[in-house]
Amino acid sequence: MPCYPVSLDIRGRRCLVVGGGAVATRKVRALIRCGARVTVVTPAASSEIETLAESRRIELKARIYRSGDMEGMFLVFSATDSRPVNSQVHADACQHNILCNIADQPAACNFTVPAVVRRGDLMLTVSTAGKSPALSRRLRKVLEAQFGPEYGEALRLMGAIRTRLLGNGHAPDAHRKRFRSVLDRDLIGLIRRKDIGTIDRILLEIFGPGYTFESLITAEADT
């Protein structure tokens, strides 16, 4: 059965990580980056997790996992080297209908985490449904080489144009051809070459006065 792809907004959501090693630390780092409220339960935490707890960026419970730790959580990760602990986390998550990921046990997960390439707000993901993390990492490297930072800048520009048009009362779908036209004029290549003059001429031709790369990027940064 294929998995349903989805991106979760976890800002302000309570998320639990059971474990304190390298894998758990990576999970904590990714959750913090996305704005989650993270609780870590482990009797032995990495130095990075301890530092995050000392700075109050996460809550650390320096002990073994208890079923009550599951209460109120939105997402749960278990990354311990104890199969009984991982099994208990999985059972508790299922009982409370909480999304749960058990490291290296795809059969015990009701979601998996893809390999990710981020270029600003652009996120490219690769999933093998937990069957081959090594293949996911290999494909991620291919994407990293193919999609540089210019794609993130292009997204910022296109998003700023769309925001301005919507702010002027234009319907969301009214300018599809104009957006396609911008992309068809080698926008990515122009950004990569930092040819701002040509970009501004294209924007003037397609959208009219007031649409310049600098003003749009500045406006996007202020939102």
Protein backbone atom coordinates (compact mmCIF):
# COMPACT_ATOMS: atom_id res chain seq x y z
CA MET A 1 0.00 0.00 0.00
CA PRO A 2 1.55 3.36 -0.99
CA CYS A 3 2.14 6.01 1.66
CA TYR A 4 0.31 9.33 1.55
CA PRO A 5 2.79 12.21 1.16
CA VAL A 6 2.20 15.18 3.45
CA SER A 7 4.09 18.11 4.98
CA LEU A 8 3.22 18.80 8.62
CA ASP A 9 3.14 22.20 10.28
CA ILE A 10 4.43 21.37 13.77
CA ARG A 11 5.03 24.90 15.01
CA GLY A 12 4.14 24.94 18.70
CA ARG A 13 3.23 21.26 18.68
CA ARG A 14 4.51 18.97 21.41
CA CYS A 15 6.84 16.29 20.07
CA LEU A 16 8.56 13.50 21.97
CA VAL A 17 11.95 11.96 21.25
CA VAL A 18 12.88 8.84 23.21
CA GLY A 19 16.63 8.26 23.13
CA GLY A 20 19.71 10.41 23.41
CA GLY A 21 22.22 9.17 20.84
CA ALA A 22 23.21 10.40 17.39
CA VAL A 23 19.93 9.45 15.68
CA ALA A 24 17.82 11.01 18.43
CA THR A 25 19.94 14.16 18.31
CA ARG A 26 19.30 14.52 14.58
CA LYS A 27 15.56 14.14 15.20
CA VAL A 28 15.67 16.80 17.91
CA ARG A 29 17.60 19.18 15.68
CA ALA A 30 15.09 18.79 12.83
CA LEU A 31 12.08 19.24 15.12
CA ILE A 32 13.49 22.42 16.64
CA ARG A 33 14.17 23.81 13.19
CA CYS A 34 10.48 23.37 12.37
CA GLY A 35 9.31 25.11 15.54
CA ALA A 36 8.20 22.11 17.60
CA ARG A 37 8.09 22.01 21.40
CA VAL A 38 10.43 19.09 22.02
CA THR A 39 10.64 16.77 25.01
CA VAL A 40 13.48 14.25 25.16
CA VAL A 41 13.39 11.23 27.46
CA THR A 42 16.66 9.39 27.93
CA PRO A 43 18.92 8.33 30.80
CA ALA A 44 21.99 9.22 28.71
CA ALA A 45 21.83 12.30 26.47
CA SER A 46 24.32 13.56 23.92
CA SER A 47 26.20 16.75 24.73
CA GLU A 48 24.13 18.61 22.12
CA ILE A 49 20.86 17.54 23.73
CA GLU A 50 22.18 18.53 27.16
CA THR A 51 23.18 21.95 25.83
CA LEU A 52 19.75 22.45 24.28
CA ALA A 53 18.13 21.53 27.58
CA GLU A 54 20.39 23.88 29.54
CA SER A 55 19.39 26.73 27.23
CA ARG A 56 15.73 25.71 27.67
CA ARG A 57 15.20 25.10 23.99
CA ILE A 58 13.95 21.61 24.83
CA GLU A 59 12.72 19.74 27.88
CA LEU A 60 14.96 16.87 28.97
CA LYS A 61 13.77 14.08 31.26
CA ALA A 62 16.95 12.25 32.26
CA ARG A 63 15.44 8.85 32.93
CA ILE A 64 13.99 5.83 31.17
CA TYR A 65 10.78 6.17 29.19
CA ARG A 66 7.39 5.90 30.92
CA SER A 67 4.03 5.47 29.24
CA GLY A 68 2.81 8.74 30.73
CA ASP A 69 5.41 10.61 28.67
CA MET A 70 3.15 10.08 25.66
CA GLU A 71 0.35 12.26 26.99
CA GLY A 72 -0.39 15.34 24.88
CA MET A 73 2.16 14.57 22.17
CA PHE A 74 1.55 15.16 18.47
CA LEU A 75 4.57 13.29 17.07
CA VAL A 76 6.77 10.65 18.67
CA PHE A 77 10.18 9.35 17.68
CA SER A 78 11.90 6.46 19.41
CA ALA A 79 15.59 6.01 18.67
CA THR A 80 16.96 3.78 21.40
CA ASP A 81 19.02 0.59 21.15
CA SER A 82 16.46 -1.19 23.34
CA ARG A 83 13.85 -3.15 21.40
CA PRO A 84 11.57 -3.49 24.48
CA VAL A 85 11.59 0.30 24.96
CA ASN A 86 10.91 0.92 21.28
CA SER A 87 8.09 -1.62 21.35
CA GLN A 88 6.53 0.05 24.39
CA VAL A 89 6.72 3.47 22.73
CA HIS A 90 5.04 2.04 19.64
CA ALA A 91 2.28 0.38 21.68
CA ASP A 92 1.60 3.54 23.68
CA ALA A 93 1.51 5.69 20.55
CA CYS A 94 -0.97 3.34 18.89
CA GLN A 95 -3.16 3.37 22.00
CA HIS A 96 -3.29 7.19 21.93
CA ASN A 97 -3.55 7.49 18.10
CA ILE A 98 -0.30 9.45 17.95
CA LEU A 99 1.96 9.53 14.91
CA CYS A 100 5.01 7.41 15.71
CA ASN A 101 8.36 6.64 14.09
CA ILE A 102 10.65 3.92 15.42
CA ALA A 103 14.22 4.15 14.12
CA ASP A 104 15.25 1.21 11.92
CA GLN A 105 11.89 -0.53 12.42
CA PRO A 106 9.69 0.54 9.48
CA ALA A 107 7.05 -2.06 10.31
CA ALA A 108 6.52 -0.32 13.67
CA CYS A 109 6.08 3.13 12.11
CA ASN A 110 2.89 4.81 10.96
CA PHE A 111 5.01 7.43 9.20
CA THR A 112 8.54 7.61 7.84
CA VAL A 113 10.82 10.60 7.41
CA PRO A 114 12.15 11.23 3.90
CA ALA A 115 15.61 12.40 2.96
CA VAL A 116 15.37 16.17 2.53
CA VAL A 117 17.05 18.86 0.45
CA ARG A 118 16.15 22.41 1.52
CA ARG A 119 16.64 25.50 -0.57
CA GLY A 120 14.97 28.22 1.47
CA ASP A 121 11.27 27.37 1.56
CA LEU A 122 11.72 24.88 -1.27
CA MET A 123 11.83 21.35 0.09
CA LEU A 124 12.68 18.35 -2.07
CA THR A 125 12.18 14.94 -0.50
CA VAL A 126 13.01 11.33 -1.29
CA SER A 127 11.18 8.44 0.34
CA THR A 128 11.75 4.72 0.00
CA ALA A 129 8.98 3.90 2.53
CA GLY A 130 11.69 2.95 5.00
CA LYS A 131 13.05 0.19 2.77
CA SER A 132 16.44 1.70 1.99
CA PRO A 133 17.76 4.77 3.84
CA ALA A 134 21.03 4.33 1.92
CA LEU A 135 19.25 4.79 -1.41
CA SER A 136 17.40 7.82 -0.03
CA ARG A 137 20.70 9.41 0.97
CA ARG A 138 22.23 8.67 -2.43
CA LEU A 139 19.30 10.28 -4.25
CA ARG A 140 19.41 13.24 -1.89
CA LYS A 141 23.00 13.89 -2.95
CA VAL A 142 21.89 13.83 -6.58
CA LEU A 143 19.22 16.44 -5.82
CA GLU A 144 21.68 18.58 -3.83
CA ALA A 145 23.97 18.72 -6.85
CA GLN A 146 21.14 19.45 -9.30
CA PHE A 147 19.16 22.04 -7.34
CA GLY A 148 21.32 24.87 -6.03
CA PRO A 149 20.43 27.92 -3.91
CA GLU A 150 19.12 29.74 -6.99
CA TYR A 151 15.97 27.62 -6.76
CA GLY A 152 15.27 28.96 -3.28
CA GLU A 153 15.76 32.52 -4.55
CA ALA A 154 13.42 31.85 -7.47
CA LEU A 155 10.77 30.62 -5.05
CA ARG A 156 11.17 33.76 -2.92
CA LEU A 157 10.71 35.93 -6.01
CA MET A 158 7.69 34.03 -7.33
CA GLY A 159 6.09 34.03 -3.88
CA ALA A 160 6.60 37.78 -3.53
CA ILE A 161 5.03 38.42 -6.95
CA ARG A 162 2.05 36.26 -6.05
CA THR A 163 1.60 38.01 -2.70
CA ARG A 164 1.63 41.43 -4.36
CA LEU A 165 -0.86 40.39 -7.02
CA LEU A 166 -3.21 38.92 -4.42
CA GLY A 167 -2.86 42.07 -2.34
CA ASN A 168 -4.03 44.06 -5.35
CA GLY A 169 -7.20 41.99 -5.55
CA HIS A 170 -6.17 39.65 -8.36
CA ALA A 171 -7.62 36.13 -8.39
CA PRO A 172 -5.07 33.41 -7.48
CA ASP A 173 -5.34 31.65 -10.85
CA ALA A 174 -5.56 34.75 -13.03
CA HIS A 175 -1.86 34.94 -13.84
CA ARG A 176 -0.77 31.37 -14.48
CA LYS A 177 0.44 32.16 -17.99
CA ARG A 178 2.49 35.10 -16.73
CA PHE A 179 4.17 32.97 -14.06
CA ARG A 180 4.95 30.28 -16.61
CA SER A 181 6.33 32.96 -18.91
CA VAL A 182 8.73 34.19 -16.21
CA LEU A 183 10.02 30.67 -15.61
CA ASP A 184 10.29 29.99 -19.34
CA ARG A 185 12.61 33.00 -19.69
CA ASP A 186 15.38 31.10 -17.86
CA LEU A 187 14.67 32.69 -14.48
CA ILE A 188 16.71 30.04 -12.67
CA GLY A 189 19.73 30.58 -14.89
CA LEU A 190 19.49 34.37 -14.59
CA ILE A 191 19.44 34.14 -10.80
CA ARG A 192 22.36 31.73 -10.86
CA ARG A 193 24.33 34.22 -12.98
CA LYS A 194 23.12 37.14 -10.83
CA ASP A 195 21.83 38.91 -13.95
CA ILE A 196 19.44 41.16 -12.04
CA GLY A 197 19.17 43.69 -14.88
CA THR A 198 17.70 41.12 -17.26
CA ILE A 199 15.37 39.82 -14.55
CA ASP A 200 14.06 43.36 -13.97
CA ARG A 201 13.44 43.85 -17.69
CA ILE A 202 11.47 40.60 -17.84
CA LEU A 203 9.42 41.54 -14.78
CA LEU A 204 8.65 44.96 -16.25
CA GLU A 205 7.57 43.39 -19.53
CA ILE A 206 5.32 40.79 -17.92
CA PHE A 207 3.98 42.50 -14.78
CA GLY A 208 4.53 46.20 -15.38
CA PRO A 209 6.17 49.01 -13.35
CA GLY A 210 7.06 48.43 -9.71
CA TYR A 211 8.02 44.78 -10.09
CA THR A 212 11.77 44.62 -9.57
CA PHE A 213 13.88 41.84 -8.15
CA GLU A 214 15.25 43.92 -5.27
CA SER A 215 11.92 45.40 -4.18
CA LEU A 216 10.14 42.05 -4.33
CA ILE A 217 12.82 40.14 -2.43
CA THR A 218 12.94 42.89 0.21
CA ALA A 219 9.15 42.80 0.58
CA GLU A 220 9.21 39.01 0.88
CA ALA A 221 11.84 39.18 3.62
CA ASP A 222 9.65 41.59 5.61
CA THR A 223 6.62 39.26 5.64
